[in-house]
């Protein structure tokens, strides 16, 4: 079931890369180009640089496009590092990106033909990311969890943990969450119970009636 959820997360992440990251990258690039064109003064006075060499917080393209890239990057990073998330969540989209980059290197026309919505900003941005090699680099990072054996197994629970009062014969003492150790109530109860007085004395074998401690 965990890996089934991983496949669902993989589909969502792939859509986020295409519709979010690709659009954000193209939108960001257009904003930077427009800002550079608007500051055509010599480079010594900040010309040729976005926002004339100043802050970019006022540039809507930069903020929206950069925000989309950061959001998609954060989602991909979380799916890569959270231990209980299936490695398929980030690995499957990563394999697609690496394969698409390999196809682009071997046959540019075929790789571009397979890009959907090329007439829209999503497709154009995806093609730009593919041309710059960014999709291949990101894809290589996303497939890393596939090669970590522990990510394919469900994280084990704390050894010796059981709900208070649920421990049975042969089971370790139950740990109380938040207390940092096992439940010592049974041990304390046994210690507080007075021992059997009759078992503490024995009668000598020579018939002496004096009672001696055993």
Protein backbone atom coordinates (compact mmCIF):
# COMPACT_ATOMS: atom_id res chain seq x y z
CA UNK A 1 0.00 0.00 0.00
CA UNK A 2 2.87 2.37 0.76
CA UNK A 3 4.28 1.92 -2.74
CA UNK A 4 0.82 2.38 -4.25
CA UNK A 5 0.64 5.76 -2.57
CA UNK A 6 4.14 6.37 -3.90
CA UNK A 7 2.92 5.91 -7.47
CA UNK A 8 0.11 8.40 -6.82
CA UNK A 9 2.63 10.92 -5.44
CA UNK A 10 4.81 10.29 -8.51
CA UNK A 11 1.95 11.28 -10.83
CA UNK A 12 1.33 14.44 -8.82
CA UNK A 13 5.02 15.34 -8.78
CA UNK A 14 5.33 14.79 -12.53
CA UNK A 15 2.38 17.13 -13.09
CA UNK A 16 3.96 19.69 -10.74
CA UNK A 17 7.22 19.56 -12.70
CA UNK A 18 5.49 20.06 -16.05
CA UNK A 19 2.83 22.58 -15.08
CA UNK A 20 4.61 24.29 -12.21
CA UNK A 21 8.38 24.17 -12.68
CA UNK A 22 8.31 24.48 -16.48
CA UNK A 23 5.91 27.41 -16.40
CA UNK A 24 7.77 29.06 -13.52
CA UNK A 25 11.12 28.77 -15.28
CA UNK A 26 9.79 30.34 -18.47
CA UNK A 27 7.92 33.06 -16.56
CA UNK A 28 11.05 33.82 -14.53
CA UNK A 29 13.20 34.01 -17.64
CA UNK A 30 10.82 36.40 -19.36
CA UNK A 31 10.78 38.67 -16.35
CA UNK A 32 14.57 38.78 -16.18
CA UNK A 33 14.86 39.46 -19.91
CA UNK A 34 12.31 42.28 -19.71
CA UNK A 35 14.11 43.77 -16.71
CA UNK A 36 17.46 43.65 -18.49
CA UNK A 37 15.98 45.26 -21.59
CA UNK A 38 14.46 48.05 -19.51
CA UNK A 39 17.87 48.89 -18.04
CA UNK A 40 19.90 49.51 -21.12
CA UNK A 41 22.35 51.92 -19.51
CA UNK A 42 26.05 51.02 -19.39
CA UNK A 43 27.03 48.15 -17.09
CA UNK A 44 29.03 50.45 -14.83
CA UNK A 45 25.76 52.00 -13.66
CA UNK A 46 23.84 48.73 -13.39
CA UNK A 47 22.78 48.45 -17.01
CA UNK A 48 22.52 44.95 -18.48
CA UNK A 49 21.54 43.54 -15.10
CA UNK A 50 18.03 42.64 -13.90
CA UNK A 51 16.42 45.49 -11.96
CA UNK A 52 19.42 47.65 -12.81
CA UNK A 53 21.50 45.71 -10.31
CA UNK A 54 19.04 46.36 -7.49
CA UNK A 55 16.46 44.22 -5.68
CA UNK A 56 14.08 41.93 -7.57
CA UNK A 57 11.28 41.93 -5.01
CA UNK A 58 9.26 44.35 -7.11
CA UNK A 59 9.46 42.11 -10.20
CA UNK A 60 6.22 40.11 -10.41
CA UNK A 61 7.65 37.65 -12.92
CA UNK A 62 10.59 36.85 -10.69
CA UNK A 63 8.51 36.41 -7.58
CA UNK A 64 5.81 34.24 -9.16
CA UNK A 65 8.11 32.22 -11.37
CA UNK A 66 10.73 31.77 -8.67
CA UNK A 67 8.05 30.88 -6.14
CA UNK A 68 6.69 28.14 -8.42
CA UNK A 69 10.18 26.70 -8.85
CA UNK A 70 10.83 26.75 -5.11
CA UNK A 71 7.49 25.10 -4.34
CA UNK A 72 8.08 22.25 -6.78
CA UNK A 73 11.66 21.85 -5.55
CA UNK A 74 10.48 21.69 -1.94
CA UNK A 75 7.86 19.05 -2.76
CA UNK A 76 10.41 16.93 -4.64
CA UNK A 77 12.93 17.28 -1.83
CA UNK A 78 10.44 16.17 0.82
CA UNK A 79 9.43 13.12 -1.19
CA UNK A 80 13.11 12.25 -1.57
CA UNK A 81 14.14 12.47 2.09
CA UNK A 82 11.10 11.43 4.16
CA UNK A 83 11.84 7.81 5.17
CA UNK A 84 8.26 6.50 5.23
CA UNK A 85 7.52 7.77 1.69
CA UNK A 86 8.01 5.17 -1.03
CA UNK A 87 11.07 5.79 -3.24
CA UNK A 88 8.76 5.49 -6.23
CA UNK A 89 7.28 8.91 -5.42
CA UNK A 90 10.40 10.74 -6.56
CA UNK A 91 12.08 7.91 -8.45
CA UNK A 92 9.51 7.39 -11.19
CA UNK A 93 9.41 11.03 -12.34
CA UNK A 94 13.19 11.13 -12.07
CA UNK A 95 13.51 8.11 -14.38
CA UNK A 96 11.23 9.80 -16.91
CA UNK A 97 13.30 13.00 -16.84
CA UNK A 98 16.58 11.10 -17.24
CA UNK A 99 15.17 9.01 -20.09
CA UNK A 100 13.78 12.11 -21.81
CA UNK A 101 17.16 13.82 -21.52
CA UNK A 102 18.90 10.76 -22.99
CA UNK A 103 16.42 10.77 -25.87
CA UNK A 104 17.02 14.48 -26.37
CA UNK A 105 20.76 13.86 -26.66
CA UNK A 106 20.32 11.03 -29.15
CA UNK A 107 17.40 12.42 -31.16
CA UNK A 108 16.45 16.06 -30.55
CA UNK A 109 13.51 16.08 -32.95
CA UNK A 110 11.85 13.03 -31.44
CA UNK A 111 12.31 14.29 -27.89
CA UNK A 112 10.78 17.67 -28.75
CA UNK A 113 7.91 16.02 -30.62
CA UNK A 114 6.90 14.09 -27.51
CA UNK A 115 6.53 17.25 -25.41
CA UNK A 116 2.80 17.98 -24.94
CA UNK A 117 1.32 21.47 -25.17
CA UNK A 118 4.36 22.90 -26.97
CA UNK A 119 2.33 25.95 -28.01
CA UNK A 120 1.62 26.80 -24.38
CA UNK A 121 3.97 28.15 -21.75
CA UNK A 122 4.11 24.76 -20.03
CA UNK A 123 5.49 22.97 -23.07
CA UNK A 124 7.81 25.82 -24.01
CA UNK A 125 9.23 25.97 -20.50
CA UNK A 126 9.69 22.19 -20.41
CA UNK A 127 11.59 22.34 -23.68
CA UNK A 128 13.83 25.07 -22.30
CA UNK A 129 14.58 23.04 -19.19
CA UNK A 130 15.31 20.04 -21.38
CA UNK A 131 17.61 22.06 -23.63
CA UNK A 132 19.54 23.48 -20.67
CA UNK A 133 20.07 20.04 -19.17
CA UNK A 134 18.30 20.95 -15.95
CA UNK A 135 15.74 18.16 -16.29
CA UNK A 136 18.50 15.58 -16.56
CA UNK A 137 20.35 16.93 -13.54
CA UNK A 138 17.20 17.05 -11.41
CA UNK A 139 16.18 13.60 -12.60
CA UNK A 140 19.50 12.10 -11.49
CA UNK A 141 18.97 13.50 -8.00
CA UNK A 142 15.38 12.24 -7.85
CA UNK A 143 16.29 8.63 -8.63
CA UNK A 144 18.78 8.45 -5.73
CA UNK A 145 16.18 7.04 -3.25
CA UNK A 146 15.67 4.06 -5.58
CA UNK A 147 19.16 2.82 -4.71
CA UNK A 148 18.76 3.06 -0.92
CA UNK A 149 17.65 -0.40 0.33
CA UNK A 150 16.12 0.92 3.54
CA UNK A 151 13.64 3.04 1.58
CA UNK A 152 12.03 -0.11 0.16
CA UNK A 153 11.22 -1.45 3.64
CA UNK A 154 8.62 -0.13 6.02
CA UNK A 155 10.32 1.72 8.91
CA UNK A 156 10.50 -0.60 11.93
CA UNK A 157 8.84 0.32 15.21
CA UNK A 158 10.73 0.92 18.43
CA UNK A 159 12.03 -2.47 19.71
CA UNK A 160 10.26 -3.71 22.82
CA UNK A 161 7.43 -1.20 22.56
CA UNK A 162 3.92 -2.24 23.48
CA UNK A 163 0.90 -0.43 24.76
CA UNK A 164 0.75 -0.18 28.57
CA UNK A 165 -0.90 -3.30 29.96
CA UNK A 166 -0.66 -5.13 26.62
CA UNK A 167 2.56 -7.05 27.28
CA UNK A 168 2.13 -10.77 27.65
CA UNK A 169 4.28 -13.80 28.49
CA UNK A 170 7.60 -13.77 26.71
CA UNK A 171 7.21 -10.13 25.73
CA UNK A 172 9.38 -7.33 27.07
CA UNK A 173 7.97 -4.81 29.47
CA UNK A 174 5.83 -2.26 27.69
CA UNK A 175 7.31 1.17 27.14
CA UNK A 176 5.29 4.19 28.11
CA UNK A 177 5.51 6.87 25.36
CA UNK A 178 7.14 10.02 26.61
CA UNK A 179 8.53 8.40 29.76
CA UNK A 180 11.79 7.26 28.19
CA UNK A 181 11.79 3.69 29.50
CA UNK A 182 9.85 0.50 30.19
CA UNK A 183 6.82 0.30 32.41
CA UNK A 184 8.17 -0.56 35.89
CA UNK A 185 4.76 -0.85 37.57
CA UNK A 186 4.78 -4.72 37.66
CA UNK A 187 8.27 -4.75 39.20
CA UNK A 188 7.34 -2.21 41.86
CA UNK A 189 4.20 -4.15 42.73
CA UNK A 190 6.16 -7.37 43.20
CA UNK A 191 8.71 -5.59 45.39
CA UNK A 192 6.01 -4.11 47.61
CA UNK A 193 4.24 -7.46 48.15
CA UNK A 194 5.36 -9.03 51.47
CA UNK A 195 7.00 -12.42 50.99
CA UNK A 196 5.58 -15.67 52.35
CA UNK A 197 6.76 -15.84 55.99
CA UNK A 198 6.63 -19.64 56.08
CA UNK A 199 9.18 -19.95 53.27
CA UNK A 200 11.78 -17.99 55.26
CA UNK A 201 12.18 -20.59 58.01
CA UNK A 202 13.27 -24.21 57.95
CA UNK A 203 13.31 -26.93 60.60
CA UNK A 204 16.69 -28.56 61.31
CA UNK A 205 16.98 -32.20 60.31
CA UNK A 206 18.24 -33.29 63.81
CA UNK A 207 14.81 -32.83 65.29
CA UNK A 208 15.63 -29.63 67.10
CA UNK A 209 12.49 -27.59 67.51
CA UNK A 210 14.40 -24.31 67.39
CA UNK A 211 13.40 -22.40 64.29
CA UNK A 212 16.32 -21.12 62.34
CA UNK A 213 16.21 -18.82 59.39
CA UNK A 214 16.84 -20.63 56.15
